[in-house]
Amino acid sequence: MLGDTHALGRRLPQLFGGLALYGASMALMLRSGLGLDPWDVLHQGLQRVLGLTVGAWVTICGALVLLLWIPLRQRPGLGTVANVLVIGAAMDLTLTVVGGVGALPARIALMTAAVLLNGLASGLYIGARLGPGPRDGLMTGLHRRTGRSLRLIRTGIELTVLAAGILLGGTAGVGTVVYALAIGPLVQLFLPWCTVPGPGRTSRKG
């Protein structure tokens, strides 16, 4: 991935900024108290059962998922490793400075902002073209090895981690449904504007 150094001065800041924003948006989602995305339901459930912070479990699970790349013969990039290291830390940092909100309208607004920011953050770090996150790489690796559709594999993975998270005491709710319905269209919206063009291509003008 780093062999393509075109616009690297933009790609690195965009990667780390996107990952930091991703972690912060996850923290806002948690503070809304209206439900988390499937993986964070699992992370929160692990935190409630085994201790540590939610962000620590984001990092631990990311590293464990990355180990699953080995039999799938997936090759990580800089963005893959950064994903493991940055998102959980950014989530925990945001949780230390952002408290919970009590009123339902404020919680809904916080959840909405979190989902929107998560979509933007996804577009930023994916658009940096420095490697997929561990969970995305697991999905594409299983797709390549099994021939099953990406939609089927992603749905199966997320339903599995969601069920495990609920059993461990993680929070699923309306926010979980909103996230599931909105994140795909949001990433599709932001990604064309966030993707750093490769050599020989010109960037999109506003």
Protein backbone atom coordinates (compact mmCIF):
# COMPACT_ATOMS: atom_id res chain seq x y z
CA MET A 1 0.00 0.00 0.00
CA LEU A 2 2.75 2.45 0.89
CA GLY A 3 4.43 1.77 -2.44
CA ASP A 4 1.90 4.17 -3.94
CA THR A 5 3.19 7.41 -2.45
CA HIS A 6 0.94 9.64 -4.51
CA ALA A 7 -0.74 12.16 -2.20
CA LEU A 8 0.78 10.37 0.82
CA GLY A 9 0.90 13.71 2.59
CA ARG A 10 -2.90 13.67 2.53
CA ARG A 11 -3.43 9.95 2.96
CA LEU A 12 -1.70 9.58 6.33
CA PRO A 13 -3.44 12.50 8.09
CA GLN A 14 -6.75 11.42 6.56
CA LEU A 15 -6.23 7.85 7.76
CA PHE A 16 -5.45 8.78 11.35
CA GLY A 17 -8.04 11.55 11.46
CA GLY A 18 -10.69 9.17 10.14
CA LEU A 19 -9.79 6.47 12.66
CA ALA A 20 -9.82 8.95 15.55
CA LEU A 21 -13.21 10.28 14.43
CA TYR A 22 -14.48 6.71 14.13
CA GLY A 23 -13.53 5.98 17.74
CA ALA A 24 -15.05 9.25 18.93
CA SER A 25 -18.32 8.53 17.10
CA MET A 26 -18.50 5.11 18.74
CA ALA A 27 -18.13 6.77 22.12
CA LEU A 28 -20.97 9.20 21.33
CA MET A 29 -23.14 6.27 20.32
CA LEU A 30 -22.44 4.61 23.66
CA ARG A 31 -23.21 7.81 25.58
CA SER A 32 -26.58 8.11 23.84
CA GLY A 33 -27.68 4.90 25.57
CA LEU A 34 -29.94 3.96 22.67
CA GLY A 35 -28.05 0.97 21.35
CA LEU A 36 -24.71 0.25 19.72
CA ASP A 37 -23.54 -1.21 16.45
CA PRO A 38 -23.16 -5.02 16.57
CA TRP A 39 -19.43 -5.12 17.25
CA ASP A 40 -19.71 -2.54 20.03
CA VAL A 41 -22.53 -4.52 21.63
CA LEU A 42 -19.96 -7.32 21.87
CA HIS A 43 -17.22 -4.99 23.14
CA GLN A 44 -19.50 -3.56 25.82
CA GLY A 45 -20.65 -7.03 26.82
CA LEU A 46 -17.05 -8.18 27.24
CA GLN A 47 -16.31 -5.07 29.32
CA ARG A 48 -19.23 -5.79 31.63
CA VAL A 49 -18.26 -9.42 32.13
CA LEU A 50 -14.46 -9.26 32.14
CA GLY A 51 -13.61 -5.66 33.01
CA LEU A 52 -11.17 -3.34 31.21
CA THR A 53 -12.60 -0.51 29.12
CA VAL A 54 -14.79 -0.75 26.05
CA GLY A 55 -12.00 0.82 24.02
CA ALA A 56 -9.57 -1.81 25.27
CA TRP A 57 -11.89 -4.53 24.03
CA VAL A 58 -12.16 -2.77 20.66
CA THR A 59 -8.38 -3.07 20.42
CA ILE A 60 -8.20 -6.65 21.73
CA CYS A 61 -10.94 -7.92 19.42
CA GLY A 62 -9.39 -6.11 16.48
CA ALA A 63 -6.08 -7.85 17.14
CA LEU A 64 -7.78 -11.24 17.52
CA VAL A 65 -9.70 -10.76 14.28
CA LEU A 66 -6.44 -9.82 12.59
CA LEU A 67 -5.02 -13.21 13.59
CA LEU A 68 -7.86 -14.81 11.62
CA TRP A 69 -6.38 -13.23 8.50
CA ILE A 70 -3.47 -15.70 8.63
CA PRO A 71 -5.34 -18.80 7.40
CA LEU A 72 -7.25 -16.59 4.96
CA ARG A 73 -3.94 -15.32 3.55
CA GLN A 74 -4.98 -11.72 3.87
CA ARG A 75 -2.22 -9.12 3.91
CA PRO A 76 -2.62 -6.15 6.29
CA GLY A 77 -1.64 -2.61 5.39
CA LEU A 78 -0.63 0.33 7.52
CA GLY A 79 -4.30 1.27 7.82
CA THR A 80 -5.11 -2.19 9.17
CA VAL A 81 -2.60 -1.93 12.01
CA ALA A 82 -3.54 1.68 12.71
CA ASN A 83 -7.19 0.63 12.88
CA VAL A 84 -6.38 -1.78 15.71
CA LEU A 85 -4.31 0.75 17.64
CA VAL A 86 -6.17 4.04 17.18
CA ILE A 87 -9.94 3.44 17.29
CA GLY A 88 -10.14 1.94 20.78
CA ALA A 89 -7.83 4.58 22.24
CA ALA A 90 -9.87 7.37 20.63
CA MET A 91 -13.07 5.85 21.97
CA ASP A 92 -11.78 5.68 25.53
CA LEU A 93 -10.40 9.22 25.34
CA THR A 94 -13.75 10.56 24.14
CA LEU A 95 -15.60 8.68 26.90
CA THR A 96 -13.45 10.42 29.51
CA VAL A 97 -14.47 13.89 28.30
CA VAL A 98 -18.06 13.33 27.13
CA GLY A 99 -20.61 12.38 29.76
CA GLY A 100 -24.01 10.83 29.34
CA VAL A 101 -27.13 12.86 28.58
CA GLY A 102 -30.47 12.38 30.31
CA ALA A 103 -33.22 13.88 28.16
CA LEU A 104 -34.50 11.66 25.35
CA PRO A 105 -34.33 14.40 22.64
CA ALA A 106 -30.67 15.01 23.51
CA ARG A 107 -29.95 11.28 23.40
CA ILE A 108 -31.60 10.98 19.98
CA ALA A 109 -29.58 13.95 18.71
CA LEU A 110 -26.37 12.40 20.07
CA MET A 111 -27.15 9.06 18.44
CA THR A 112 -27.92 10.75 15.11
CA ALA A 113 -24.69 12.75 15.22
CA ALA A 114 -22.76 9.60 16.10
CA VAL A 115 -24.09 7.66 13.11
CA LEU A 116 -23.42 10.55 10.72
CA LEU A 117 -19.88 11.03 12.03
CA ASN A 118 -19.26 7.29 11.83
CA GLY A 119 -20.24 7.30 8.17
CA LEU A 120 -17.89 10.22 7.48
CA ALA A 121 -15.09 8.58 9.47
CA SER A 122 -15.51 5.36 7.49
CA GLY A 123 -15.26 7.28 4.24
CA LEU A 124 -12.12 9.03 5.44
CA TYR A 125 -10.13 6.00 6.54
CA ILE A 126 -11.28 3.76 3.69
CA GLY A 127 -10.65 6.56 1.21
CA ALA A 128 -7.06 6.90 2.39
CA ARG A 129 -6.39 3.57 0.62
CA LEU A 130 -3.90 2.29 3.19
CA GLY A 131 -5.52 -1.02 4.06
CA PRO A 132 -8.89 -2.28 5.34
CA GLY A 133 -9.83 -2.65 8.98
CA PRO A 134 -9.52 -6.11 10.56
CA ARG A 135 -13.25 -6.80 10.45
CA ASP A 136 -13.61 -5.68 6.83
CA GLY A 137 -10.63 -7.82 5.87
CA LEU A 138 -12.16 -10.83 7.59
CA MET A 139 -15.32 -10.34 5.55
CA THR A 140 -13.51 -10.00 2.23
CA GLY A 141 -11.16 -12.90 3.07
CA LEU A 142 -14.07 -15.22 3.83
CA HIS A 143 -15.76 -14.07 0.64
CA ARG A 144 -12.66 -14.91 -1.39
CA ARG A 145 -12.15 -18.32 0.22
CA THR A 146 -15.78 -19.48 0.35
CA GLY A 147 -17.31 -17.80 -2.69
CA ARG A 148 -20.28 -16.65 -0.61
CA SER A 149 -21.65 -13.17 -1.18
CA LEU A 150 -20.22 -10.27 0.80
CA ARG A 151 -23.71 -9.37 2.01
CA LEU A 152 -24.32 -12.88 3.35
CA ILE A 153 -20.94 -13.07 5.06
CA ARG A 154 -21.22 -9.62 6.62
CA THR A 155 -24.74 -10.32 7.84
CA GLY A 156 -23.67 -13.64 9.34
CA ILE A 157 -20.68 -12.12 11.14
CA GLU A 158 -22.62 -9.18 12.53
CA LEU A 159 -25.57 -11.27 13.68
CA THR A 160 -23.15 -13.61 15.44
CA VAL A 161 -21.29 -10.86 17.30
CA LEU A 162 -24.56 -9.08 18.09
CA ALA A 163 -26.06 -12.22 19.63
CA ALA A 164 -22.89 -12.86 21.63
CA GLY A 165 -22.83 -9.25 22.82
CA ILE A 166 -26.46 -9.32 23.94
CA LEU A 167 -25.85 -12.54 25.87
CA LEU A 168 -22.92 -10.83 27.61
CA GLY A 169 -25.03 -7.81 28.56
CA GLY A 170 -24.21 -5.38 25.76
CA THR A 171 -26.72 -2.70 24.81
CA ALA A 172 -28.78 -3.25 21.66
CA GLY A 173 -31.69 -0.98 20.84
CA VAL A 174 -33.10 1.48 18.36
CA GLY A 175 -29.61 2.84 17.74
CA THR A 176 -28.50 -0.61 16.60
CA VAL A 177 -31.27 -0.67 13.99
CA VAL A 178 -30.63 2.92 12.87
CA TYR A 179 -26.93 2.18 12.48
CA ALA A 180 -27.56 -1.00 10.49
CA LEU A 181 -29.91 0.80 8.09
CA ALA A 182 -27.96 4.04 7.72
CA ILE A 183 -24.25 3.19 7.73
CA GLY A 184 -24.13 1.64 4.25
CA PRO A 185 -25.80 4.58 2.46
CA LEU A 186 -23.73 7.06 4.49
CA VAL A 187 -20.43 5.43 3.57
CA GLN A 188 -21.57 5.31 -0.05
CA LEU A 189 -22.35 9.04 0.17
CA PHE A 190 -19.06 10.12 1.76
CA LEU A 191 -16.59 7.73 0.12
CA PRO A 192 -16.41 9.34 -3.34
CA TRP A 193 -15.56 12.68 -1.73
CA CYS A 194 -13.01 11.18 0.66
CA THR A 195 -11.15 8.79 -1.64
CA VAL A 196 -7.64 10.01 -2.40
CA PRO A 197 -7.06 9.62 -6.15
CA GLY A 198 -4.24 7.41 -7.32
CA PRO A 199 -1.44 8.43 -9.68
CA GLY A 200 -2.66 9.88 -12.94
CA ARG A 201 -6.10 10.71 -11.54
CA THR A 202 -7.41 14.10 -10.56
CA SER A 203 -9.32 14.72 -7.38
CA ARG A 204 -13.04 15.42 -7.41
CA LYS A 205 -13.84 19.12 -7.40
CA GLY A 206 -16.66 20.57 -5.36
